[in-house]
Amino acid sequence: MTITGIDHVQVAAPAGCEEQARAFYGGLLGLEELPKPAELAARGGCWLRAGRQELHVGVDNVFVPARKAHPGFTVSDLDELAGRLRGAGFALTYDDSIPGTRRFHVEDPFGNRLEFRQG
């Protein structure tokens, strides 16, 4: 047995997050929304696709944003994404601690940490 990949990563969000999650992850970042099975859709949140992997935004009734743990995304144009995020009012924190890697962190609308790097 070997693990062959990561199917999805989940970030938590507060109840009622769906509109903001779709606007940020779908609208601003350009991820494709996926249909959730009816039983899971009743729990709230949304599922999105990032390349071949999925990002699930799940409702947590006792929500606390993830400040350290985070999904890391690769993007084809880091500067374009940075401009889009800044234009929407998000603050970026660049990090050059990995030699040869251009990357920054940003918080989603719920305060969860996300990493983006040039891929």
PDB file of N, CA and C in Angstrom:
ATOM      1  N   MET A   1       0.839  -1.173   0.000  1.00  0.00           N
ATOM      2  CA  MET A   1       0.000   0.000   0.000  1.00  0.00           C
ATOM      3  C   MET A   1       0.881   1.233   0.000  1.00  0.00           C
ATOM      4  N   THR A   2       0.537   2.184  -0.869  1.00  0.00           N
ATOM      5  CA  THR A   2       1.200   3.484  -0.871  1.00  0.00           C
ATOM      6  C   THR A   2       0.135   4.563  -1.014  1.00  0.00           C
ATOM      7  N   ILE A   3       0.367   5.678  -0.410  1.00  0.00           N
ATOM      8  CA  ILE A   3      -0.510   6.834  -0.613  1.00  0.00           C
ATOM      9  C   ILE A   3      -0.080   7.456  -1.931  1.00  0.00           C
ATOM     10  N   THR A   4      -1.031   7.682  -2.812  1.00  0.00           N
ATOM     11  CA  THR A   4      -0.708   8.136  -4.164  1.00  0.00           C
ATOM     12  C   THR A   4      -0.997   9.602  -4.414  1.00  0.00           C
ATOM     13  N   GLY A   5      -1.511  10.312  -3.429  1.00  0.00           N
ATOM     14  CA  GLY A   5      -1.782  11.725  -3.631  1.00  0.00           C
ATOM     15  C   GLY A   5      -2.665  12.270  -2.539  1.00  0.00           C
ATOM     16  N   ILE A   6      -3.018  13.520  -2.702  1.00  0.00           N
ATOM     17  CA  ILE A   6      -3.948  14.184  -1.790  1.00  0.00           C
ATOM     18  C   ILE A   6      -5.203  14.493  -2.584  1.00  0.00           C
ATOM     19  N   ASP A   7      -6.326  13.972  -2.132  1.00  0.00           N
ATOM     20  CA  ASP A   7      -7.603  14.193  -2.808  1.00  0.00           C
ATOM     21  C   ASP A   7      -8.129  15.592  -2.543  1.00  0.00           C
ATOM     22  N   HIS A   8      -8.107  15.993  -1.268  1.00  0.00           N
ATOM     23  CA  HIS A   8      -8.611  17.329  -0.930  1.00  0.00           C
ATOM     24  C   HIS A   8      -8.010  17.812   0.387  1.00  0.00           C
ATOM     25  N   VAL A   9      -8.117  19.098   0.569  1.00  0.00           N
ATOM     26  CA  VAL A   9      -7.752  19.762   1.813  1.00  0.00           C
ATOM     27  C   VAL A   9      -8.991  20.534   2.238  1.00  0.00           C
ATOM     28  N   GLN A  10      -9.243  20.579   3.528  1.00  0.00           N
ATOM     29  CA  GLN A  10     -10.404  21.324   4.013  1.00  0.00           C
ATOM     30  C   GLN A  10      -9.960  22.489   4.881  1.00  0.00           C
ATOM     31  N   VAL A  11     -10.604  23.626   4.669  1.00  0.00           N
ATOM     32  CA  VAL A  11     -10.461  24.766   5.561  1.00  0.00           C
ATOM     33  C   VAL A  11     -11.813  24.964   6.234  1.00  0.00           C
ATOM     34  N   ALA A  12     -11.782  25.419   7.455  1.00  0.00           N
ATOM     35  CA  ALA A  12     -13.010  25.643   8.203  1.00  0.00           C
ATOM     36  C   ALA A  12     -13.469  27.081   8.020  1.00  0.00           C
ATOM     37  N   ALA A  13     -14.756  27.271   8.201  1.00  0.00           N
ATOM     38  CA  ALA A  13     -15.358  28.594   8.100  1.00  0.00           C
ATOM     39  C   ALA A  13     -16.604  28.619   8.992  1.00  0.00           C
ATOM     40  N   PRO A  14     -17.057  29.811   9.350  1.00  0.00           N
ATOM     41  CA  PRO A  14     -18.235  29.893  10.220  1.00  0.00           C
ATOM     42  C   PRO A  14     -19.522  29.607   9.444  1.00  0.00           C
ATOM     43  N   ALA A  15     -20.576  29.293  10.174  1.00  0.00           N
ATOM     44  CA  ALA A  15     -21.883  29.078   9.556  1.00  0.00           C
ATOM     45  C   ALA A  15     -22.270  30.311   8.741  1.00  0.00           C
ATOM     46  N   GLY A  16     -22.897  30.086   7.605  1.00  0.00           N
ATOM     47  CA  GLY A  16     -23.312  31.182   6.740  1.00  0.00           C
ATOM     48  C   GLY A  16     -22.207  31.700   5.831  1.00  0.00           C
ATOM     49  N   CYS A  17     -21.129  30.939   5.695  1.00  0.00           N
ATOM     50  CA  CYS A  17     -19.930  31.366   4.964  1.00  0.00           C
ATOM     51  C   CYS A  17     -20.032  31.239   3.454  1.00  0.00           C
ATOM     52  N   GLU A  18     -21.032  30.550   2.955  1.00  0.00           N
ATOM     53  CA  GLU A  18     -21.037  30.115   1.566  1.00  0.00           C
ATOM     54  C   GLU A  18     -20.879  31.250   0.546  1.00  0.00           C
ATOM     55  N   GLU A  19     -21.604  32.335   0.714  1.00  0.00           N
ATOM     56  CA  GLU A  19     -21.523  33.429  -0.254  1.00  0.00           C
ATOM     57  C   GLU A  19     -20.112  34.016  -0.300  1.00  0.00           C
ATOM     58  N   GLN A  20     -19.523  34.280   0.860  1.00  0.00           N
ATOM     59  CA  GLN A  20     -18.159  34.812   0.912  1.00  0.00           C
ATOM     60  C   GLN A  20     -17.142  33.799   0.391  1.00  0.00           C
ATOM     61  N   ALA A  21     -17.330  32.530   0.705  1.00  0.00           N
ATOM     62  CA  ALA A  21     -16.401  31.495   0.231  1.00  0.00           C
ATOM     63  C   ALA A  21     -16.436  31.408  -1.284  1.00  0.00           C
ATOM     64  N   ARG A  22     -17.623  31.425  -1.853  1.00  0.00           N
ATOM     65  CA  ARG A  22     -17.737  31.367  -3.320  1.00  0.00           C
ATOM     66  C   ARG A  22     -17.137  32.606  -3.974  1.00  0.00           C
ATOM     67  N   ALA A  23     -17.360  33.772  -3.377  1.00  0.00           N
ATOM     68  CA  ALA A  23     -16.815  35.009  -3.941  1.00  0.00           C
ATOM     69  C   ALA A  23     -15.290  35.001  -3.889  1.00  0.00           C
ATOM     70  N   PHE A  24     -14.716  34.541  -2.792  1.00  0.00           N
ATOM     71  CA  PHE A  24     -13.261  34.550  -2.640  1.00  0.00           C
ATOM     72  C   PHE A  24     -12.617  33.421  -3.433  1.00  0.00           C
ATOM     73  N   TYR A  25     -12.979  32.183  -3.107  1.00  0.00           N
ATOM     74  CA  TYR A  25     -12.318  31.037  -3.725  1.00  0.00           C
ATOM     75  C   TYR A  25     -12.723  30.851  -5.189  1.00  0.00           C
ATOM     76  N   GLY A  26     -13.988  31.062  -5.487  1.00  0.00           N
ATOM     77  CA  GLY A  26     -14.441  30.913  -6.867  1.00  0.00           C
ATOM     78  C   GLY A  26     -14.217  32.167  -7.694  1.00  0.00           C
ATOM     79  N   GLY A  27     -14.726  33.301  -7.206  1.00  0.00           N
ATOM     80  CA  GLY A  27     -14.641  34.545  -7.961  1.00  0.00           C
ATOM     81  C   GLY A  27     -13.242  35.120  -8.035  1.00  0.00           C
ATOM     82  N   LEU A  28     -12.610  35.344  -6.897  1.00  0.00           N
ATOM     83  CA  LEU A  28     -11.307  36.001  -6.863  1.00  0.00           C
ATOM     84  C   LEU A  28     -10.165  35.061  -7.270  1.00  0.00           C
ATOM     85  N   LEU A  29     -10.172  33.842  -6.738  1.00  0.00           N
ATOM     86  CA  LEU A  29      -9.086  32.906  -7.047  1.00  0.00           C
ATOM     87  C   LEU A  29      -9.352  32.084  -8.304  1.00  0.00           C
ATOM     88  N   GLY A  30     -10.587  32.024  -8.753  1.00  0.00           N
ATOM     89  CA  GLY A  30     -10.902  31.325  -9.993  1.00  0.00           C
ATOM     90  C   GLY A  30     -11.045  29.819  -9.882  1.00  0.00           C
ATOM     91  N   LEU A  31     -11.268  29.290  -8.666  1.00  0.00           N
ATOM     92  CA  LEU A  31     -11.468  27.855  -8.514  1.00  0.00           C
ATOM     93  C   LEU A  31     -12.873  27.483  -8.978  1.00  0.00           C
ATOM     94  N   GLU A  32     -12.987  26.299  -9.527  1.00  0.00           N
ATOM     95  CA  GLU A  32     -14.274  25.801 -10.027  1.00  0.00           C
ATOM     96  C   GLU A  32     -15.060  25.172  -8.874  1.00  0.00           C
ATOM     97  N   GLU A  33     -16.312  25.599  -8.704  1.00  0.00           N
ATOM     98  CA  GLU A  33     -17.130  24.987  -7.655  1.00  0.00           C
ATOM     99  C   GLU A  33     -17.628  23.631  -8.126  1.00  0.00           C
ATOM    100  N   LEU A  34     -17.633  22.678  -7.213  1.00  0.00           N
ATOM    101  CA  LEU A  34     -18.100  21.322  -7.480  1.00  0.00           C
ATOM    102  C   LEU A  34     -19.390  21.074  -6.721  1.00  0.00           C
ATOM    103  N   PRO A  35     -20.288  20.278  -7.279  1.00  0.00           N
ATOM    104  CA  PRO A  35     -21.509  19.951  -6.532  1.00  0.00           C
ATOM    105  C   PRO A  35     -21.187  19.026  -5.365  1.00  0.00           C
ATOM    106  N   LYS A  36     -21.832  19.282  -4.241  1.00  0.00           N
ATOM    107  CA  LYS A  36     -21.696  18.412  -3.074  1.00  0.00           C
ATOM    108  C   LYS A  36     -22.854  17.421  -3.092  1.00  0.00           C
ATOM    109  N   PRO A  37     -22.643  16.208  -2.638  1.00  0.00           N
ATOM    110  CA  PRO A  37     -23.756  15.278  -2.484  1.00  0.00           C
ATOM    111  C   PRO A  37     -24.817  15.899  -1.562  1.00  0.00           C
ATOM    112  N   ALA A  38     -26.085  15.635  -1.833  1.00  0.00           N
ATOM    113  CA  ALA A  38     -27.189  16.270  -1.109  1.00  0.00           C
ATOM    114  C   ALA A  38     -27.041  16.167   0.410  1.00  0.00           C
ATOM    115  N   GLU A  39     -26.673  14.991   0.900  1.00  0.00           N
ATOM    116  CA  GLU A  39     -26.550  14.809   2.351  1.00  0.00           C
ATOM    117  C   GLU A  39     -25.474  15.737   2.934  1.00  0.00           C
ATOM    118  N   LEU A  40     -24.379  15.928   2.196  1.00  0.00           N
ATOM    119  CA  LEU A  40     -23.309  16.796   2.669  1.00  0.00           C
ATOM    120  C   LEU A  40     -23.631  18.272   2.425  1.00  0.00           C
ATOM    121  N   ALA A  41     -24.361  18.562   1.373  1.00  0.00           N
ATOM    122  CA  ALA A  41     -24.731  19.952   1.074  1.00  0.00           C
ATOM    123  C   ALA A  41     -25.564  20.541   2.206  1.00  0.00           C
ATOM    124  N   ALA A  42     -26.352  19.702   2.868  1.00  0.00           N
ATOM    125  CA  ALA A  42     -27.192  20.171   3.969  1.00  0.00           C
ATOM    126  C   ALA A  42     -26.351  20.669   5.146  1.00  0.00           C
ATOM    127  N   ARG A  43     -25.088  20.281   5.207  1.00  0.00           N
ATOM    128  CA  ARG A  43     -24.208  20.716   6.300  1.00  0.00           C
ATOM    129  C   ARG A  43     -23.617  22.102   6.045  1.00  0.00           C
ATOM    130  N   GLY A  44     -23.790  22.632   4.825  1.00  0.00           N
ATOM    131  CA  GLY A  44     -23.236  23.934   4.479  1.00  0.00           C
ATOM    132  C   GLY A  44     -21.847  23.814   3.897  1.00  0.00           C
ATOM    133  N   GLY A  45     -21.237  24.962   3.637  1.00  0.00           N
ATOM    134  CA  GLY A  45     -19.911  24.991   3.038  1.00  0.00           C
ATOM    135  C   GLY A  45     -19.983  24.779   1.542  1.00  0.00           C
ATOM    136  N   CYS A  46     -18.836  24.584   0.915  1.00  0.00           N
ATOM    137  CA  CYS A  46     -18.786  24.335  -0.526  1.00  0.00           C
ATOM    138  C   CYS A  46     -17.488  23.617  -0.872  1.00  0.00           C
ATOM    139  N   TRP A  47     -17.493  22.978  -2.019  1.00  0.00           N
ATOM    140  CA  TRP A  47     -16.325  22.275  -2.539  1.00  0.00           C
ATOM    141  C   TRP A  47     -15.864  22.965  -3.806  1.00  0.00           C
ATOM    142  N   LEU A  48     -14.551  23.065  -3.978  1.00  0.00           N
ATOM    143  CA  LEU A  48     -13.979  23.692  -5.162  1.00  0.00           C
ATOM    144  C   LEU A  48     -12.809  22.858  -5.659  1.00  0.00           C
ATOM    145  N   ARG A  49     -12.463  23.060  -6.928  1.00  0.00           N
ATOM    146  CA  ARG A  49     -11.356  22.313  -7.518  1.00  0.00           C
ATOM    147  C   ARG A  49     -10.205  23.258  -7.815  1.00  0.00           C
ATOM    148  N   ALA A  50      -8.985  22.806  -7.441  1.00  0.00           N
ATOM    149  CA  ALA A  50      -7.746  23.526  -7.737  1.00  0.00           C
ATOM    150  C   ALA A  50      -6.864  22.550  -8.514  1.00  0.00           C
ATOM    151  N   GLY A  51      -6.877  22.612  -9.832  1.00  0.00           N
ATOM    152  CA  GLY A  51      -6.169  21.626 -10.641  1.00  0.00           C
ATOM    153  C   GLY A  51      -6.849  20.284 -10.492  1.00  0.00           C
ATOM    154  N   ARG A  52      -6.088  19.272 -10.066  1.00  0.00           N
ATOM    155  CA  ARG A  52      -6.667  17.938  -9.867  1.00  0.00           C
ATOM    156  C   ARG A  52      -7.094  17.698  -8.426  1.00  0.00           C
ATOM    157  N   GLN A  53      -6.777  18.643  -7.546  1.00  0.00           N
ATOM    158  CA  GLN A  53      -7.125  18.494  -6.139  1.00  0.00           C
ATOM    159  C   GLN A  53      -8.347  19.354  -5.817  1.00  0.00           C
ATOM    160  N   GLU A  54      -8.928  19.048  -4.677  1.00  0.00           N
ATOM    161  CA  GLU A  54     -10.093  19.799  -4.227  1.00  0.00           C
ATOM    162  C   GLU A  54      -9.799  20.543  -2.938  1.00  0.00           C
ATOM    163  N   LEU A  55     -10.478  21.660  -2.790  1.00  0.00           N
ATOM    164  CA  LEU A  55     -10.472  22.430  -1.553  1.00  0.00           C
ATOM    165  C   LEU A  55     -11.906  22.412  -1.037  1.00  0.00           C
ATOM    166  N   HIS A  56     -12.097  21.928   0.163  1.00  0.00           N
ATOM    167  CA  HIS A  56     -13.424  21.903   0.770  1.00  0.00           C
ATOM    168  C   HIS A  56     -13.483  22.989   1.837  1.00  0.00           C
ATOM    169  N   VAL A  57     -14.503  23.811   1.772  1.00  0.00           N
ATOM    170  CA  VAL A  57     -14.759  24.808   2.805  1.00  0.00           C
ATOM    171  C   VAL A  57     -15.868  24.219   3.663  1.00  0.00           C
ATOM    172  N   GLY A  58     -15.527  23.860   4.895  1.00  0.00           N
ATOM    173  CA  GLY A  58     -16.477  23.196   5.778  1.00  0.00           C
ATOM    174  C   GLY A  58     -16.915  24.095   6.919  1.00  0.00           C
ATOM    175  N   VAL A  59     -18.181  24.003   7.254  1.00  0.00           N
ATOM    176  CA  VAL A  59     -18.728  24.805   8.346  1.00  0.00           C
ATOM    177  C   VAL A  59     -18.347  24.186   9.682  1.00  0.00           C
ATOM    178  N   ASP A  60     -17.808  25.029  10.550  1.00  0.00           N
ATOM    179  CA  ASP A  60     -17.471  24.626  11.915  1.00  0.00           C
ATOM    180  C   ASP A  60     -18.250  25.554  12.841  1.00  0.00           C
ATOM    181  N   ASN A  61     -19.163  24.988  13.599  1.00  0.00           N
ATOM    182  CA  ASN A  61     -20.010  25.802  14.477  1.00  0.00           C
ATOM    183  C   ASN A  61     -19.246  26.445  15.625  1.00  0.00           C
ATOM    184  N   VAL A  62     -18.042  25.966  15.907  1.00  0.00           N
ATOM    185  CA  VAL A  62     -17.172  26.569  16.906  1.00  0.00           C
ATOM    186  C   VAL A  62     -15.904  27.000  16.158  1.00  0.00           C
ATOM    187  N   PHE A  63     -16.074  27.872  15.180  1.00  0.00           N
ATOM    188  CA  PHE A  63     -15.014  28.238  14.240  1.00  0.00           C
ATOM    189  C   PHE A  63     -13.899  29.052  14.877  1.00  0.00           C
ATOM    190  N   VAL A  64     -12.671  28.642  14.607  1.00  0.00           N
ATOM    191  CA  VAL A  64     -11.462  29.382  14.963  1.00  0.00           C
ATOM    192  C   VAL A  64     -10.570  29.340  13.716  1.00  0.00           C
ATOM    193  N   PRO A  65     -10.151  30.484  13.187  1.00  0.00           N
ATOM    194  CA  PRO A  65      -9.328  30.465  11.973  1.00  0.00           C
ATOM    195  C   PRO A  65      -7.988  29.764  12.193  1.00  0.00           C
ATOM    196  N   ALA A  66      -7.516  29.107  11.152  1.00  0.00           N
ATOM    197  CA  ALA A  66      -6.202  28.456  11.187  1.00  0.00           C
ATOM    198  C   ALA A  66      -5.144  29.506  10.865  1.00  0.00           C
ATOM    199  N   ARG A  67      -4.337  29.857  11.838  1.00  0.00           N
ATOM    200  CA  ARG A  67      -3.314  30.898  11.666  1.00  0.00           C
ATOM    201  C   ARG A  67      -1.977  30.329  11.222  1.00  0.00           C
ATOM    202  N   LYS A  68      -1.714  29.055  11.514  1.00  0.00           N
ATOM    203  CA  LYS A  68      -0.446  28.432  11.143  1.00  0.00           C
ATOM    204  C   LYS A  68      -0.666  27.367  10.063  1.00  0.00           C
ATOM    205  N   ALA A  69      -1.507  26.376  10.349  1.00  0.00           N
ATOM    206  CA  ALA A  69      -1.804  25.335   9.364  1.00  0.00           C
ATOM    207  C   ALA A  69      -2.444  25.992   8.148  1.00  0.00           C
ATOM    208  N   HIS A  70      -2.101  25.511   6.952  1.00  0.00           N
ATOM    209  CA  HIS A  70      -2.615  26.167   5.751  1.00  0.00           C
ATOM    210  C   HIS A  70      -2.450  25.287   4.523  1.00  0.00           C
ATOM    211  N   PRO A  71      -3.327  25.475   3.529  1.00  0.00           N
ATOM    212  CA  PRO A  71      -3.072  24.856   2.232  1.00  0.00           C
ATOM    213  C   PRO A  71      -2.092  25.736   1.465  1.00  0.00           C
ATOM    214  N   GLY A  72      -1.268  25.098   0.653  1.00  0.00           N
ATOM    215  CA  GLY A  72      -0.318  25.819  -0.201  1.00  0.00           C
ATOM    216  C   GLY A  72      -0.706  25.600  -1.651  1.00  0.00           C
ATOM    217  N   PHE A  73      -0.893  26.682  -2.383  1.00  0.00           N
ATOM    218  CA  PHE A  73      -1.294  26.620  -3.787  1.00  0.00           C
ATOM    219  C   PHE A  73      -0.133  27.031  -4.681  1.00  0.00           C
ATOM    220  N   THR A  74      -0.018  26.419  -5.835  1.00  0.00           N
ATOM    221  CA  THR A  74       0.909  26.894  -6.857  1.00  0.00           C
ATOM    222  C   THR A  74       0.096  27.658  -7.891  1.00  0.00           C
ATOM    223  N   VAL A  75       0.668  28.730  -8.379  1.00  0.00           N
ATOM    224  CA  VAL A  75      -0.011  29.561  -9.382  1.00  0.00           C
ATOM    225  C   VAL A  75       0.938  29.841 -10.536  1.00  0.00           C
ATOM    226  N   SER A  76       0.364  30.076 -11.705  1.00  0.00           N
ATOM    227  CA  SER A  76       1.186  30.333 -12.887  1.00  0.00           C
ATOM    228  C   SER A  76       1.732  31.752 -12.910  1.00  0.00           C
ATOM    229  N   ASP A  77       1.050  32.698 -12.258  1.00  0.00           N
ATOM    230  CA  ASP A  77       1.497  34.090 -12.266  1.00  0.00           C
ATOM    231  C   ASP A  77       1.258  34.698 -10.888  1.00  0.00           C
ATOM    232  N   LEU A  78       2.268  34.625 -10.044  1.00  0.00           N
ATOM    233  CA  LEU A  78       2.161  35.104  -8.670  1.00  0.00           C
ATOM    234  C   LEU A  78       1.875  36.602  -8.622  1.00  0.00           C
ATOM    235  N   ASP A  79       2.498  37.370  -9.512  1.00  0.00           N
ATOM    236  CA  ASP A  79       2.298  38.818  -9.514  1.00  0.00           C
ATOM    237  C   ASP A  79       0.866  39.193  -9.873  1.00  0.00           C
ATOM    238  N   GLU A  80       0.284  38.491 -10.827  1.00  0.00           N
ATOM    239  CA  GLU A  80      -1.100  38.788 -11.204  1.00  0.00           C
ATOM    240  C   GLU A  80      -2.048  38.494 -10.045  1.00  0.00           C
ATOM    241  N   LEU A  81      -1.838  37.356  -9.397  1.00  0.00           N
ATOM    242  CA  LEU A  81      -2.685  37.016  -8.256  1.00  0.00           C
ATOM    243  C   LEU A  81      -2.497  38.027  -7.129  1.00  0.00           C
ATOM    244  N   ALA A  82      -1.261  38.412  -6.870  1.00  0.00           N
ATOM    245  CA  ALA A  82      -0.996  39.404  -5.819  1.00  0.00           C
ATOM    246  C   ALA A  82      -1.751  40.695  -6.108  1.00  0.00           C
ATOM    247  N   GLY A  83      -1.732  41.149  -7.345  1.00  0.00           N
ATOM    248  CA  GLY A  83      -2.450  42.357  -7.714  1.00  0.00           C
ATOM    249  C   GLY A  83      -3.953  42.217  -7.529  1.00  0.00           C
ATOM    250  N   ARG A  84      -4.478  41.066  -7.894  1.00  0.00           N
ATOM    251  CA  ARG A  84      -5.911  40.801  -7.726  1.00  0.00           C
ATOM    252  C   ARG A  84      -6.301  40.835  -6.250  1.00  0.00           C
ATOM    253  N   LEU A  85      -5.503  40.171  -5.424  1.00  0.00           N
ATOM    254  CA  LEU A  85      -5.806  40.124  -3.994  1.00  0.00           C
ATOM    255  C   LEU A  85      -5.681  41.509  -3.354  1.00  0.00           C
ATOM    256  N   ARG A  86      -4.594  42.225  -3.675  1.00  0.00           N
ATOM    257  CA  ARG A  86      -4.436  43.580  -3.137  1.00  0.00           C
ATOM    258  C   ARG A  86      -5.589  44.480  -3.579  1.00  0.00           C
ATOM    259  N   GLY A  87      -5.982  44.361  -4.854  1.00  0.00           N
ATOM    260  CA  GLY A  87      -7.083  45.162  -5.375  1.00  0.00           C
ATOM    261  C   GLY A  87      -8.399  44.897  -4.662  1.00  0.00           C
ATOM    262  N   ALA A  88      -8.531  43.705  -4.116  1.00  0.00           N
ATOM    263  CA  ALA A  88      -9.741  43.343  -3.371  1.00  0.00           C
ATOM    264  C   ALA A  88      -9.602  43.652  -1.887  1.00  0.00           C
ATOM    265  N   GLY A  89      -8.465  44.266  -1.496  1.00  0.00           N
ATOM    266  CA  GLY A  89      -8.298  44.692  -0.107  1.00  0.00           C
ATOM    267  C   GLY A  89      -7.622  43.697   0.810  1.00  0.00           C
ATOM    268  N   PHE A  90      -7.007  42.652   0.265  1.00  0.00           N
ATOM    269  CA  PHE A  90      -6.339  41.657   1.103  1.00  0.00           C
ATOM    270  C   PHE A  90      -4.869  42.026   1.281  1.00  0.00           C
ATOM    271  N   ALA A  91      -4.358  41.836   2.488  1.00  0.00           N
ATOM    272  CA  ALA A  91      -2.953  42.124   2.802  1.00  0.00           C
ATOM    273  C   ALA A  91      -2.124  40.869   2.558  1.00  0.00           C
ATOM    274  N   LEU A  92      -0.991  41.035   1.882  1.00  0.00           N
ATOM    275  CA  LEU A  92      -0.100  39.923   1.567  1.00  0.00           C
ATOM    276  C   LEU A  92       1.147  40.001   2.439  1.00  0.00           C
ATOM    277  N   THR A  93       1.687  38.845   2.807  1.00  0.00           N
ATOM    278  CA  THR A  93       2.944  38.773   3.530  1.00  0.00           C
ATOM    279  C   THR A  93       3.884  37.902   2.712  1.00  0.00           C
ATOM    280  N   TYR A  94       4.886  38.539   2.101  1.00  0.00           N
ATOM    281  CA  TYR A  94       5.864  37.795   1.311  1.00  0.00           C
ATOM    282  C   TYR A  94       6.846  37.101   2.238  1.00  0.00           C
ATOM    283  N   ASP A  95       7.351  35.947   1.792  1.00  0.00           N
ATOM    284  CA  ASP A  95       8.270  35.157   2.590  1.00  0.00           C
ATOM    285  C   ASP A  95       9.358  34.604   1.677  1.00  0.00           C
ATOM    286  N   ASP A  96      10.602  35.002   1.910  1.00  0.00           N
ATOM    287  CA  ASP A  96      11.707  34.546   1.076  1.00  0.00           C
ATOM    288  C   ASP A  96      12.616  33.564   1.821  1.00  0.00           C
ATOM    289  N   SER A  97      12.066  32.859   2.812  1.00  0.00           N
ATOM    290  CA  SER A  97      12.882  31.967   3.625  1.00  0.00           C
ATOM    291  C   SER A  97      13.226  30.647   2.927  1.00  0.00           C
ATOM    292  N   ILE A  98      12.597  30.359   1.785  1.00  0.00           N
ATOM    293  CA  ILE A  98      12.960  29.179   1.001  1.00  0.00           C
ATOM    294  C   ILE A  98      13.708  29.687  -0.230  1.00  0.00           C
ATOM    295  N   PRO A  99      15.012  29.475  -0.301  1.00  0.00           N
ATOM    296  CA  PRO A  99      15.787  29.999  -1.429  1.00  0.00           C
ATOM    297  C   PRO A  99      15.216  29.559  -2.780  1.00  0.00           C
ATOM    298  N   GLY A 100      15.098  30.518  -3.677  1.00  0.00           N
ATOM    299  CA  GLY A 100      14.614  30.231  -5.015  1.00  0.00           C
ATOM    300  C   GLY A 100      13.117  30.080  -5.142  1.00  0.00           C
ATOM    301  N   THR A 101      12.368  30.350  -4.084  1.00  0.00           N
ATOM    302  CA  THR A 101      10.909  30.203  -4.115  1.00  0.00           C
ATOM    303  C   THR A 101      10.247  31.539  -3.839  1.00  0.00           C
ATOM    304  N   ARG A 102       9.446  31.993  -4.792  1.00  0.00           N
ATOM    305  CA  ARG A 102       8.658  33.209  -4.597  1.00  0.00           C
ATOM    306  C   ARG A 102       7.312  32.797  -4.024  1.00  0.00           C
ATOM    307  N   ARG A 103       6.967  33.365  -2.875  1.00  0.00           N
ATOM    308  CA  ARG A 103       5.693  32.991  -2.245  1.00  0.00           C
ATOM    309  C   ARG A 103       5.209  34.098  -1.330  1.00  0.00           C
ATOM    310  N   PHE A 104       3.903  34.050  -1.051  1.00  0.00           N
ATOM    311  CA  PHE A 104       3.319  34.930  -0.054  1.00  0.00           C
ATOM    312  C   PHE A 104       2.181  34.220   0.640  1.00  0.00           C
ATOM    313  N   HIS A 105       1.808  34.770   1.804  1.00  0.00           N
ATOM    314  CA  HIS A 105       0.659  34.280   2.561  1.00  0.00           C
ATOM    315  C   HIS A 105      -0.404  35.373   2.580  1.00  0.00           C
ATOM    316  N   VAL A 106      -1.641  34.934   2.674  1.00  0.00           N
ATOM    317  CA  VAL A 106      -2.777  35.842   2.777  1.00  0.00           C
ATOM    318  C   VAL A 106      -3.834  35.134   3.622  1.00  0.00           C
ATOM    319  N   GLU A 107      -4.692  35.888   4.250  1.00  0.00           N
ATOM    320  CA  GLU A 107      -5.809  35.292   4.993  1.00  0.00           C
ATOM    321  C   GLU A 107      -7.050  35.325   4.128  1.00  0.00           C
ATOM    322  N   ASP A 108      -7.806  34.233   4.141  1.00  0.00           N
ATOM    323  CA  ASP A 108      -9.086  34.229   3.428  1.00  0.00           C
ATOM    324  C   ASP A 108     -10.076  35.108   4.200  1.00  0.00           C
ATOM    325  N   PRO A 109     -11.299  35.290   3.719  1.00  0.00           N
ATOM    326  CA  PRO A 109     -12.233  36.185   4.420  1.00  0.00           C
ATOM    327  C   PRO A 109     -12.554  35.774   5.853  1.00  0.00           C
ATOM    328  N   PHE A 110     -12.191  34.539   6.219  1.00  0.00           N
ATOM    329  CA  PHE A 110     -12.511  34.026   7.551  1.00  0.00           C
ATOM    330  C   PHE A 110     -11.295  34.029   8.477  1.00  0.00           C
ATOM    331  N   GLY A 111     -10.144  34.476   7.970  1.00  0.00           N
ATOM    332  CA  GLY A 111      -8.929  34.535   8.773  1.00  0.00           C
ATOM    333  C   GLY A 111      -8.016  33.344   8.654  1.00  0.00           C
ATOM    334  N   ASN A 112      -8.349  32.389   7.780  1.00  0.00           N
ATOM    335  CA  ASN A 112      -7.485  31.221   7.576  1.00  0.00           C
ATOM    336  C   ASN A 112      -6.276  31.592   6.725  1.00  0.00           C
ATOM    337  N   ARG A 113      -5.118  31.113   7.111  1.00  0.00           N
ATOM    338  CA  ARG A 113      -3.884  31.357   6.379  1.00  0.00           C
ATOM    339  C   ARG A 113      -3.833  30.528   5.099  1.00  0.00           C
ATOM    340  N   LEU A 114      -3.454  31.149   4.001  1.00  0.00           N
ATOM    341  CA  LEU A 114      -3.250  30.469   2.715  1.00  0.00           C
ATOM    342  C   LEU A 114      -1.872  30.835   2.192  1.00  0.00           C
ATOM    343  N   GLU A 115      -1.218  29.915   1.503  1.00  0.00           N
ATOM    344  CA  GLU A 115       0.072  30.193   0.883  1.00  0.00           C
ATOM    345  C   GLU A 115      -0.061  30.058  -0.628  1.00  0.00           C
ATOM    346  N   PHE A 116       0.575  30.985  -1.330  1.00  0.00           N
ATOM    347  CA  PHE A 116       0.622  30.935  -2.797  1.00  0.00           C
ATOM    348  C   PHE A 116       2.073  31.050  -3.216  1.00  0.00           C
ATOM    349  N   ARG A 117       2.487  30.191  -4.136  1.00  0.00           N
ATOM    350  CA  ARG A 117       3.851  30.250  -4.646  1.00  0.00           C
ATOM    351  C   ARG A 117       3.828  30.090  -6.156  1.00  0.00           C
ATOM    352  N   GLN A 118       4.840  30.673  -6.781  1.00  0.00           N
ATOM    353  CA  GLN A 118       4.976  30.574  -8.238  1.00  0.00           C
ATOM    354  C   GLN A 118       5.278  29.129  -8.576  1.00  0.00           C
ATOM    355  N   GLY A 119       4.493  28.553  -9.509  1.00  0.00           N
ATOM    356  CA  GLY A 119       4.700  27.148  -9.858  1.00  0.00           C
ATOM    357  C   GLY A 119       5.132  26.934 -11.277  1.00  0.00           C
TER     358      GLY A 119
END
